[in-house]
Amino acid sequence: MGEVFAGRYELVDPIGRGGVGAVWRTWDHRRGRYVAAKVLRQSDAHTLLRFVREQALRIDHPHVLAPTSWAADDDKVLFTMELVRGGSLAHLIGDYGPLPPAYVCTLLDQLLSGLSAVHAEDVVHRDIKPANILLEATGTGRPHLRLSDFGVSMRKGEPRLTEADYVLGTPGYFAPEQLMGAEPDFPADLYAVGLVALYLLTGRKPDSQALVEAYVHGMPPAPQDIPEPLWQVLGALLQPDPEVRFRTATGVRRALVSAAELLPADAAAEREAVEVFDQIGPLPPGFGPDGPRDREGSKAQESPEDSGGPEPEPEPGPDGGKGRETAGASAPAAFPASETGSFHLPPPVPAYVREPPQAPPFPAPAHPGARAQAQSHAPAVAHESTQASPGAPVQPYPRPRPHTYPGPPAAGMPPPTRPYTAARPPAPAARRPGPPPKVAAPLLVLALALIAVGVWALTLAP
């Protein structure tokens, strides 16, 4: 089984890795379900402060994947979130390449919806990229997008954890003003959304520096394979000057809806060809859909398929029904299963019961001349098979008793050992009546003091 944090979160297997930690599929023992847990790898002051900021973010939105809880154990910390199984936009592009424009409009609308909820909390994400945009495993149905990874996000007005000339984020998805050291703001996130849109439509990582140069003489023409109505929205998102760019995610959504209505009719039909697969592998051994198998008694027992063949049928009884089972197949089933399901418990053993004497396992050596005499005096004992007959009740263990050898000892042999009986311990001496010494001594001192006071009072009387 995996490592357990704070007695609640059991790490199952790693499913991803980020800049400051690894993401694990984790079993939540309290809620009884699988979650994703981000385990912090470093413990320096800046990393811990970013962790505190990220785990404190609570945004309840269908297109935002925010932390739900956290735990600490020794020098490690983690926070949990819902488990999203469809991979990221990077996985989707790796499977299909460039996506249809109508499908991209659906994804961008959901991304902007989640981003508007983040901006409503005065939080700037600062790291919007395809790897941080996850998808539910919806198959060929309508996609469901989740914006995740708020490790470098910050609220507007909070102090920065990096130096003024140090840019934090992912190269290739920076806004031009970020490279100039400007304070994080919402238009920088919208610029990154435009870069993600280009990545989805072209299947290639955009060159941000080339884009800035292309805007020297105004908005460039629409690239190949990007419809003109959609480019009018994306071109405004990619303006190098933040003052000319869209200011809010809600405004971009309105413009995107209008552009989607102008797309060719056959583009909407291409959306059905995209399928979002389950990108998380099967559970490792020891885990099932309902959690760790060793904590489920029914799952710990071996099934007929695991044992290599079907379960043997019981032998028919005299009346044609199902009588006693064979000894090999029914022996384990005769005992109730333990609470853990890993072994079978025998029935409770009653008090010792008197049984006929058994033959000694190792008879004493006897003189050849006296062997016949010893056999004439030895009682006849029937040797029973050590294997109980099928269906017979289990006999209790007999009380051990001393063994006596029949007949006189052989010549030259020491006399047989007599049964040993432990002597009774001596009875404790009868305790004399009266209080114990610890109580009697203070009482005696008090009595003497009272007598002395009385004598002194009598001497003072006239």
Protein backbone atom coordinates (compact mmCIF):
# COMPACT_ATOMS: atom_id res chain seq x y z
CA MET A 1 0.00 0.00 0.00
CA GLY A 2 1.05 3.60 -0.50
CA GLU A 3 2.15 6.26 1.96
CA VAL A 4 -0.66 7.71 4.06
CA PHE A 5 -0.73 11.43 4.90
CA ALA A 6 -2.33 12.57 8.15
CA GLY A 7 -4.17 9.24 8.45
CA ARG A 8 -6.45 10.21 5.54
CA TYR A 9 -4.78 10.50 2.13
CA GLU A 10 -3.15 7.34 0.73
CA LEU A 11 -0.88 7.92 -2.27
CA VAL A 12 -1.62 5.40 -5.05
CA ASP A 13 0.50 6.24 -8.13
CA PRO A 14 1.98 9.38 -9.76
CA ILE A 15 -0.04 10.82 -12.66
CA GLY A 16 1.81 14.08 -13.36
CA ARG A 17 4.67 16.35 -12.41
CA GLY A 18 4.87 20.13 -12.08
CA GLY A 19 7.43 22.77 -11.31
CA VAL A 20 7.22 22.47 -7.50
CA GLY A 21 5.83 18.99 -6.94
CA ALA A 22 4.34 15.77 -8.27
CA VAL A 23 0.65 14.99 -8.71
CA TRP A 24 -0.56 11.64 -7.36
CA ARG A 25 -3.75 9.69 -7.66
CA THR A 26 -4.78 9.44 -4.01
CA TRP A 27 -7.45 7.61 -2.03
CA ASP A 28 -9.32 9.84 0.43
CA HIS A 29 -10.27 7.55 3.33
CA ARG A 30 -12.67 10.10 4.81
CA ARG A 31 -14.70 10.77 1.67
CA GLY A 32 -14.23 7.30 0.19
CA ARG A 33 -13.13 8.37 -3.32
CA TYR A 34 -10.07 8.99 -5.47
CA VAL A 35 -8.69 12.53 -5.68
CA ALA A 36 -5.61 14.19 -7.16
CA ALA A 37 -2.98 15.28 -4.63
CA LYS A 38 -0.12 17.67 -5.35
CA VAL A 39 2.83 16.80 -3.10
CA LEU A 40 5.31 19.58 -2.48
CA ARG A 41 8.90 18.59 -3.26
CA GLN A 42 10.73 21.57 -1.73
CA SER A 43 10.33 23.27 1.62
CA ASP A 44 12.05 26.64 1.27
CA ALA A 45 10.27 29.79 2.42
CA HIS A 46 9.18 30.99 -1.04
CA THR A 47 7.84 27.58 -2.05
CA LEU A 48 5.89 27.19 1.18
CA LEU A 49 4.41 30.66 0.80
CA ARG A 50 3.30 29.85 -2.75
CA PHE A 51 1.80 26.63 -1.44
CA VAL A 52 -0.14 28.56 1.18
CA ARG A 53 -1.43 30.94 -1.48
CA GLU A 54 -2.48 28.14 -3.80
CA GLN A 55 -4.22 25.97 -1.23
CA ALA A 56 -6.06 29.02 0.16
CA LEU A 57 -7.69 29.62 -3.23
CA ARG A 58 -11.32 28.51 -3.10
CA ILE A 59 -13.24 29.09 -6.35
CA ASP A 60 -16.35 27.01 -6.94
CA HIS A 61 -16.82 26.98 -10.71
CA PRO A 62 -17.42 24.09 -13.14
CA HIS A 63 -14.46 25.16 -15.30
CA VAL A 64 -11.97 25.85 -12.48
CA LEU A 65 -9.98 23.13 -10.70
CA ALA A 66 -9.09 24.70 -7.37
CA PRO A 67 -7.73 22.97 -4.23
CA THR A 68 -10.31 21.44 -1.89
CA SER A 69 -8.21 20.46 1.17
CA TRP A 70 -4.64 20.11 2.38
CA ALA A 71 -2.57 18.05 4.82
CA ALA A 72 0.95 18.07 6.29
CA ASP A 73 3.03 15.17 7.56
CA ASP A 74 6.53 15.77 8.94
CA ASP A 75 8.43 17.75 6.27
CA LYS A 76 5.96 17.09 3.42
CA VAL A 77 2.79 18.92 2.53
CA LEU A 78 0.10 18.29 -0.04
CA PHE A 79 -3.23 19.66 -1.17
CA THR A 80 -5.97 17.80 -2.99
CA MET A 81 -8.34 18.55 -5.83
CA GLU A 82 -10.80 16.64 -7.95
CA LEU A 83 -9.38 13.91 -10.18
CA VAL A 84 -9.67 14.90 -13.87
CA ARG A 85 -9.08 11.91 -16.16
CA GLY A 86 -9.08 13.29 -19.71
CA GLY A 87 -5.56 14.73 -19.75
CA SER A 88 -4.71 18.26 -20.88
CA LEU A 89 -5.02 20.21 -24.10
CA ALA A 90 -1.45 19.16 -24.86
CA HIS A 91 -2.60 15.50 -24.84
CA LEU A 92 -5.51 16.36 -27.13
CA ILE A 93 -3.27 18.09 -29.68
CA GLY A 94 -0.86 15.16 -29.48
CA ASP A 95 -3.71 12.79 -30.39
CA TYR A 96 -5.44 14.82 -33.12
CA GLY A 97 -3.23 17.73 -34.17
CA PRO A 98 -5.07 20.94 -35.19
CA LEU A 99 -8.66 21.00 -33.95
CA PRO A 100 -11.77 22.18 -35.85
CA PRO A 101 -12.59 25.89 -35.34
CA ALA A 102 -16.04 25.17 -33.88
CA TYR A 103 -14.52 22.78 -31.34
CA VAL A 104 -11.90 25.40 -30.44
CA CYS A 105 -14.64 27.99 -29.89
CA THR A 106 -16.32 25.65 -27.40
CA LEU A 107 -13.07 25.13 -25.49
CA LEU A 108 -12.24 28.86 -25.47
CA ASP A 109 -15.70 29.77 -24.21
CA GLN A 110 -15.31 27.41 -21.24
CA LEU A 111 -11.77 28.63 -20.57
CA LEU A 112 -12.90 32.27 -20.56
CA SER A 113 -15.84 31.37 -18.32
CA GLY A 114 -13.51 29.89 -15.70
CA LEU A 115 -11.04 32.73 -16.09
CA SER A 116 -13.76 35.31 -15.49
CA ALA A 117 -14.53 33.60 -12.15
CA VAL A 118 -10.81 33.71 -11.25
CA HIS A 119 -10.54 37.40 -12.15
CA ALA A 120 -13.69 38.11 -10.13
CA GLU A 121 -11.64 37.11 -7.06
CA ASP A 122 -8.90 39.62 -8.07
CA VAL A 123 -6.58 36.69 -8.85
CA VAL A 124 -4.19 36.75 -11.83
CA HIS A 125 -3.35 33.21 -12.98
CA ARG A 126 0.01 34.11 -14.65
CA ASP A 127 0.59 30.57 -16.07
CA ILE A 128 -2.13 29.82 -18.63
CA LYS A 129 -0.82 27.19 -21.04
CA PRO A 130 -2.12 23.96 -22.65
CA ALA A 131 -0.58 21.72 -19.96
CA ASN A 132 -2.51 23.57 -17.22
CA ILE A 133 -5.89 23.25 -18.97
CA LEU A 134 -7.37 19.83 -18.20
CA LEU A 135 -10.27 17.94 -19.76
CA GLU A 136 -12.82 15.54 -18.38
CA ALA A 137 -12.97 12.17 -20.16
CA THR A 138 -16.21 12.89 -22.05
CA GLY A 139 -15.51 10.72 -25.10
CA THR A 140 -17.19 12.08 -28.23
CA GLY A 141 -19.61 14.21 -26.21
CA ARG A 142 -19.36 17.90 -25.46
CA PRO A 143 -15.91 18.66 -24.00
CA HIS A 144 -15.57 19.87 -20.41
CA LEU A 145 -12.53 22.00 -19.64
CA ARG A 146 -10.97 22.79 -16.23
CA LEU A 147 -8.42 25.56 -15.60
CA SER A 148 -5.86 24.31 -13.03
CA ASP A 149 -2.45 24.95 -11.42
CA PHE A 150 -2.56 28.18 -9.45
CA GLY A 151 0.97 27.74 -8.13
CA VAL A 152 2.24 31.12 -9.37
CA SER A 153 -1.05 33.00 -9.23
CA MET A 154 -1.43 36.03 -7.01
CA ARG A 155 -4.07 38.51 -5.96
CA LYS A 156 -3.74 42.02 -7.22
CA GLY A 157 -2.07 44.17 -4.59
CA GLU A 158 -0.26 41.28 -2.82
CA PRO A 159 3.53 41.51 -2.54
CA ARG A 160 5.50 39.68 -5.22
CA LEU A 161 7.70 36.75 -4.25
CA THR A 162 10.17 37.35 -7.08
CA GLU A 163 12.50 40.20 -7.91
CA ALA A 164 11.30 42.98 -10.20
CA ASP A 165 13.51 41.85 -13.10
CA TYR A 166 12.59 38.15 -12.73
CA VAL A 167 9.69 36.74 -14.80
CA LEU A 168 7.79 33.76 -13.45
CA GLY A 169 5.76 31.51 -15.74
CA THR A 170 6.22 29.35 -18.85
CA PRO A 171 8.39 30.66 -21.72
CA GLY A 172 6.39 31.10 -24.91
CA TYR A 173 3.19 32.13 -23.12
CA PHE A 174 4.34 35.46 -21.66
CA ALA A 175 2.61 38.71 -22.52
CA PRO A 176 5.00 41.43 -23.78
CA GLU A 177 4.41 43.55 -20.69
CA GLN A 178 5.43 40.62 -18.48
CA LEU A 179 8.81 40.50 -20.18
CA MET A 180 9.16 44.20 -19.40
CA GLY A 181 8.62 43.55 -15.67
CA ALA A 182 5.13 45.08 -15.38
CA GLU A 183 2.86 44.19 -12.49
CA PRO A 184 0.63 41.12 -13.16
CA ASP A 185 -2.78 42.12 -14.51
CA PHE A 186 -5.80 40.54 -16.19
CA PRO A 187 -4.86 41.46 -19.80
CA ALA A 188 -1.71 39.32 -19.46
CA ASP A 189 -3.91 36.26 -18.84
CA LEU A 190 -6.05 37.15 -21.87
CA TYR A 191 -2.92 37.36 -24.05
CA ALA A 192 -2.02 33.82 -22.95
CA VAL A 193 -5.55 32.68 -23.90
CA GLY A 194 -4.92 34.00 -27.42
CA LEU A 195 -1.66 32.02 -27.62
CA VAL A 196 -3.47 28.86 -26.48
CA ALA A 197 -6.10 29.43 -29.19
CA LEU A 198 -3.39 29.62 -31.87
CA TYR A 199 -1.89 26.38 -30.52
CA LEU A 200 -5.25 24.60 -30.77
CA LEU A 201 -5.95 25.84 -34.32
CA THR A 202 -2.49 25.25 -35.78
CA GLY A 203 -1.20 22.34 -33.67
CA ARG A 204 2.12 24.16 -33.13
CA LYS A 205 3.48 26.21 -30.26
CA PRO A 206 3.22 29.87 -31.28
CA ASP A 207 6.27 32.10 -31.53
CA SER A 208 5.44 35.04 -29.24
CA GLN A 209 8.39 37.11 -30.39
CA ALA A 210 7.40 36.74 -34.05
CA LEU A 211 3.86 37.77 -33.17
CA VAL A 212 5.07 40.99 -31.57
CA GLU A 213 7.06 41.82 -34.69
CA ALA A 214 4.05 41.07 -36.90
CA TYR A 215 2.03 43.77 -35.12
CA VAL A 216 4.49 46.56 -35.89
CA HIS A 217 2.26 47.86 -38.71
CA GLY A 218 -1.07 46.91 -37.15
CA MET A 219 -3.01 43.64 -36.93
CA PRO A 220 -1.63 41.14 -39.47
CA PRO A 221 -3.94 39.18 -41.78
CA ALA A 222 -5.49 35.93 -40.62
CA PRO A 223 -3.12 32.96 -40.70
CA GLN A 224 -3.89 30.01 -42.92
CA ASP A 225 -6.70 27.66 -41.77
CA ILE A 226 -8.09 30.24 -39.29
CA PRO A 227 -11.48 31.69 -40.28
CA GLU A 228 -11.56 35.48 -40.56
CA PRO A 229 -14.37 36.01 -37.97
CA LEU A 230 -12.43 33.99 -35.41
CA TRP A 231 -9.19 35.81 -36.21
CA GLN A 232 -10.78 39.18 -35.50
CA VAL A 233 -11.27 38.03 -31.89
CA LEU A 234 -7.88 36.33 -31.54
CA GLY A 235 -6.07 39.24 -33.20
CA ALA A 236 -7.49 41.61 -30.60
CA LEU A 237 -6.37 39.24 -27.81
CA LEU A 238 -2.81 39.17 -29.18
CA GLN A 239 -2.29 42.92 -29.34
CA PRO A 240 1.16 43.70 -27.86
CA ASP A 241 -0.18 46.86 -26.23
CA PRO A 242 -2.32 45.90 -23.21
CA GLU A 243 -4.32 49.12 -23.56
CA VAL A 244 -5.57 48.03 -26.99
CA ARG A 245 -6.24 44.46 -25.90
CA PHE A 246 -9.48 43.12 -24.43
CA ARG A 247 -9.77 44.12 -20.77
CA THR A 248 -12.11 41.41 -19.41
CA ALA A 249 -12.74 37.75 -20.11
CA THR A 250 -16.48 38.43 -20.28
CA GLY A 251 -15.96 40.83 -23.19
CA VAL A 252 -13.95 38.20 -25.07
CA ARG A 253 -16.74 35.66 -24.56
CA ARG A 254 -19.32 37.98 -26.11
CA ALA A 255 -17.12 38.59 -29.14
CA LEU A 256 -16.39 34.87 -29.45
CA VAL A 257 -20.09 33.95 -29.50
CA SER A 258 -20.67 36.38 -32.36
CA ALA A 259 -17.67 34.96 -34.26
CA ALA A 260 -18.83 31.37 -33.79
CA GLU A 261 -22.16 32.19 -35.40
CA LEU A 262 -20.32 33.32 -38.56
CA LEU A 263 -18.32 30.10 -38.97
CA PRO A 264 -19.13 27.83 -41.93
CA ALA A 265 -21.91 25.35 -41.30
CA ASP A 266 -19.75 22.31 -42.10
CA ALA A 267 -17.25 23.31 -39.38
CA ALA A 268 -19.75 22.48 -36.64
CA ALA A 269 -20.10 18.91 -37.91
CA GLU A 270 -16.35 18.29 -37.58
CA ARG A 271 -16.58 18.60 -33.80
CA GLU A 272 -17.99 15.07 -33.48
CA ALA A 273 -14.73 13.56 -34.77
CA VAL A 274 -12.78 14.58 -31.63
CA GLU A 275 -12.85 12.15 -28.70
CA VAL A 276 -11.40 12.83 -25.26
CA PHE A 277 -9.94 9.60 -23.89
CA ASP A 278 -9.21 8.57 -20.32
CA GLN A 279 -5.51 9.40 -20.02
CA ILE A 280 -5.01 7.92 -16.52
CA GLY A 281 -3.83 4.32 -16.49
CA PRO A 282 -5.41 1.43 -14.58
CA LEU A 283 -5.11 1.17 -10.84
CA PRO A 284 -2.01 -0.61 -9.50
CA PRO A 285 -2.31 -3.98 -7.71
CA GLY A 286 -3.93 -3.71 -4.32
CA PHE A 287 -6.41 -0.99 -5.31
CA GLY A 288 -9.89 -1.22 -6.77
CA PRO A 289 -12.67 1.17 -7.75
CA ASP A 290 -13.77 1.30 -4.11
CA GLY A 291 -10.34 1.89 -2.64
CA PRO A 292 -7.57 -0.33 -1.22
CA ARG A 293 -8.50 -4.00 -1.50
CA ASP A 294 -6.89 -5.07 1.79
CA ARG A 295 -9.56 -3.08 3.66
CA GLU A 296 -12.41 -4.96 2.02
CA GLY A 297 -12.97 -8.43 3.40
CA SER A 298 -14.94 -9.64 0.43
CA LYS A 299 -12.24 -8.65 -2.06
CA ALA A 300 -9.42 -10.27 -0.11
CA GLN A 301 -10.87 -13.75 -0.49
CA GLU A 302 -9.70 -15.62 -3.57
CA SER A 303 -12.31 -15.91 -6.28
CA PRO A 304 -12.84 -19.11 -8.33
CA GLU A 305 -11.32 -17.43 -11.38
CA ASP A 306 -8.15 -16.48 -9.44
CA SER A 307 -7.72 -19.99 -8.05
CA GLY A 308 -7.32 -21.47 -11.52
CA GLY A 309 -10.67 -23.23 -11.94
CA PRO A 310 -14.30 -23.38 -10.84
CA GLU A 311 -15.19 -24.05 -7.24
CA PRO A 312 -15.69 -27.82 -6.63
CA GLU A 313 -19.28 -28.93 -6.26
CA PRO A 314 -20.27 -30.74 -3.05
CA GLU A 315 -20.82 -34.51 -3.26
CA PRO A 316 -24.44 -35.62 -3.50
CA GLY A 317 -25.88 -36.95 -0.28
CA PRO A 318 -27.93 -40.10 0.28
CA ASP A 319 -31.17 -38.24 -0.37
CA GLY A 320 -29.98 -36.92 -3.74
CA GLY A 321 -29.38 -33.43 -2.35
CA LYS A 322 -26.13 -31.73 -1.56
CA GLY A 323 -24.51 -33.68 1.21
CA ARG A 324 -21.13 -33.38 2.80
CA GLU A 325 -18.42 -31.66 0.79
CA THR A 326 -15.04 -33.11 0.03
CA ALA A 327 -12.41 -32.67 2.68
CA GLY A 328 -10.02 -30.63 0.53
CA ALA A 329 -12.61 -28.16 -0.74
CA SER A 330 -14.75 -27.66 2.34
CA ALA A 331 -12.11 -27.41 5.05
CA PRO A 332 -11.52 -23.65 4.70
CA ALA A 333 -15.23 -22.90 4.30
CA ALA A 334 -16.03 -24.59 7.62
CA PHE A 335 -14.54 -21.67 9.54
CA PRO A 336 -15.89 -18.13 9.51
CA ALA A 337 -13.75 -15.51 7.75
CA SER A 338 -11.83 -13.04 9.86
CA GLU A 339 -12.56 -9.32 9.82
CA THR A 340 -9.66 -8.67 7.43
CA GLY A 341 -10.59 -11.60 5.21
CA SER A 342 -6.98 -12.79 4.97
CA PHE A 343 -7.37 -16.06 6.93
CA HIS A 344 -10.02 -18.27 8.53
CA LEU A 345 -10.65 -18.55 12.23
CA PRO A 346 -11.18 -21.97 13.86
CA PRO A 347 -14.25 -22.47 16.04
CA PRO A 348 -13.88 -21.62 19.74
CA VAL A 349 -12.42 -24.45 21.80
CA PRO A 350 -14.55 -25.45 24.85
CA ALA A 351 -13.16 -26.43 28.23
CA TYR A 352 -10.88 -29.42 28.45
CA VAL A 353 -12.74 -32.72 28.17
CA ARG A 354 -11.56 -36.02 29.55
CA GLU A 355 -10.56 -38.41 26.79
CA PRO A 356 -9.25 -41.96 26.72
CA PRO A 357 -5.48 -42.18 27.20
CA GLN A 358 -3.37 -41.97 24.08
CA ALA A 359 -0.33 -44.07 23.26
CA PRO A 360 2.99 -42.35 23.98
CA PRO A 361 4.56 -40.92 20.82
CA PHE A 362 8.03 -42.24 21.73
CA PRO A 363 7.96 -45.48 23.84
CA ALA A 364 10.82 -45.99 26.26
CA PRO A 365 13.49 -48.48 25.17
CA ALA A 366 13.03 -51.85 26.84
CA HIS A 367 15.26 -54.90 27.36
CA PRO A 368 14.60 -57.67 24.85
CA GLY A 369 13.70 -60.00 27.65
CA ALA A 370 11.29 -57.62 29.23
CA ARG A 371 9.62 -56.45 25.97
CA ALA A 372 7.16 -59.28 25.93
CA GLN A 373 6.28 -58.68 29.57
CA ALA A 374 5.80 -54.96 28.86
CA GLN A 375 3.54 -55.74 25.94
CA SER A 376 1.44 -58.08 28.07
CA HIS A 377 0.85 -55.32 30.62
CA ALA A 378 0.32 -52.50 28.05
CA PRO A 379 -3.32 -51.67 27.32
CA ALA A 380 -4.55 -52.02 23.76
CA VAL A 381 -4.79 -48.59 22.08
CA ALA A 382 -6.49 -47.98 18.75
CA HIS A 383 -4.41 -45.67 16.51
CA GLU A 384 -6.69 -43.13 14.89
CA SER A 385 -5.90 -41.26 11.70
CA THR A 386 -4.71 -37.72 12.22
CA GLN A 387 -6.95 -36.53 9.40
CA ALA A 388 -10.51 -36.02 10.50
CA SER A 389 -13.26 -37.50 8.40
CA PRO A 390 -15.21 -35.05 6.26
CA GLY A 391 -17.90 -33.29 8.22
CA ALA A 392 -16.72 -34.59 11.59
CA PRO A 393 -16.66 -32.02 14.39
CA VAL A 394 -13.30 -30.69 15.46
CA GLN A 395 -12.15 -32.34 18.71
CA PRO A 396 -10.91 -30.07 21.49
CA TYR A 397 -7.33 -30.29 22.61
CA PRO A 398 -6.97 -32.75 25.55
CA ARG A 399 -5.47 -31.63 28.82
CA PRO A 400 -1.83 -32.75 29.00
CA ARG A 401 -1.30 -35.42 31.62
CA PRO A 402 1.87 -37.26 32.79
CA HIS A 403 2.75 -40.51 31.10
CA THR A 404 3.45 -43.70 33.06
CA TYR A 405 5.40 -46.53 31.52
CA PRO A 406 3.89 -50.01 32.05
CA GLY A 407 5.96 -52.73 33.60
CA PRO A 408 9.21 -52.67 35.57
CA PRO A 409 12.21 -50.82 34.13
CA ALA A 410 14.72 -52.80 32.14
CA ALA A 411 18.02 -53.82 33.63
CA GLY A 412 20.56 -51.04 33.56
CA MET A 413 17.97 -48.38 32.80
CA PRO A 414 17.12 -45.55 35.20
CA PRO A 415 13.72 -45.66 36.87
CA PRO A 416 10.98 -43.74 35.04
CA THR A 417 10.44 -40.14 35.99
CA ARG A 418 7.68 -39.59 38.49
CA PRO A 419 4.94 -37.10 37.69
CA TYR A 420 5.90 -33.70 38.96
CA THR A 421 3.47 -31.74 41.05
CA ALA A 422 4.30 -28.15 41.89
CA ALA A 423 4.23 -27.42 45.60
CA ARG A 424 1.65 -24.99 46.78
CA PRO A 425 3.02 -21.63 47.84
CA PRO A 426 2.89 -21.04 51.58
CA ALA A 427 -0.22 -19.30 52.78
CA PRO A 428 0.40 -15.70 53.79
CA ALA A 429 0.54 -15.00 57.47
CA ALA A 430 -2.69 -13.87 59.03
CA ARG A 431 -2.80 -10.12 59.31
CA ARG A 432 -3.36 -8.72 62.77
CA PRO A 433 -6.42 -6.53 63.27
CA GLY A 434 -5.91 -2.80 63.42
CA PRO A 435 -4.91 0.03 61.08
CA PRO A 436 -1.75 -0.25 59.00
CA PRO A 437 1.46 1.36 60.31
CA LYS A 438 1.19 4.30 57.93
CA VAL A 439 -2.10 5.25 59.57
CA ALA A 440 -1.37 4.20 63.13
CA ALA A 441 1.85 6.25 63.50
CA PRO A 442 0.26 9.67 62.82
CA LEU A 443 -2.66 8.81 65.09
CA LEU A 444 -0.28 7.87 67.89
CA VAL A 445 1.63 11.13 67.53
CA LEU A 446 -1.60 13.10 67.57
CA ALA A 447 -2.79 11.28 70.70
CA LEU A 448 0.48 12.02 72.50
CA ALA A 449 0.21 15.67 71.54
CA LEU A 450 -3.32 15.86 72.91
CA ILE A 451 -2.24 14.22 76.18
CA ALA A 452 0.62 16.71 76.52
CA VAL A 453 -1.75 19.62 75.95
CA GLY A 454 -4.13 18.21 78.55
CA VAL A 455 -1.40 17.81 81.16
CA TRP A 456 -0.17 21.34 80.47
CA ALA A 457 -3.69 22.69 80.89
CA LEU A 458 -4.12 20.91 84.23
CA THR A 459 -0.90 22.40 85.58
CA LEU A 460 -2.12 25.88 84.77
CA ALA A 461 -5.50 25.38 86.51
CA PRO A 462 -5.75 27.14 89.94
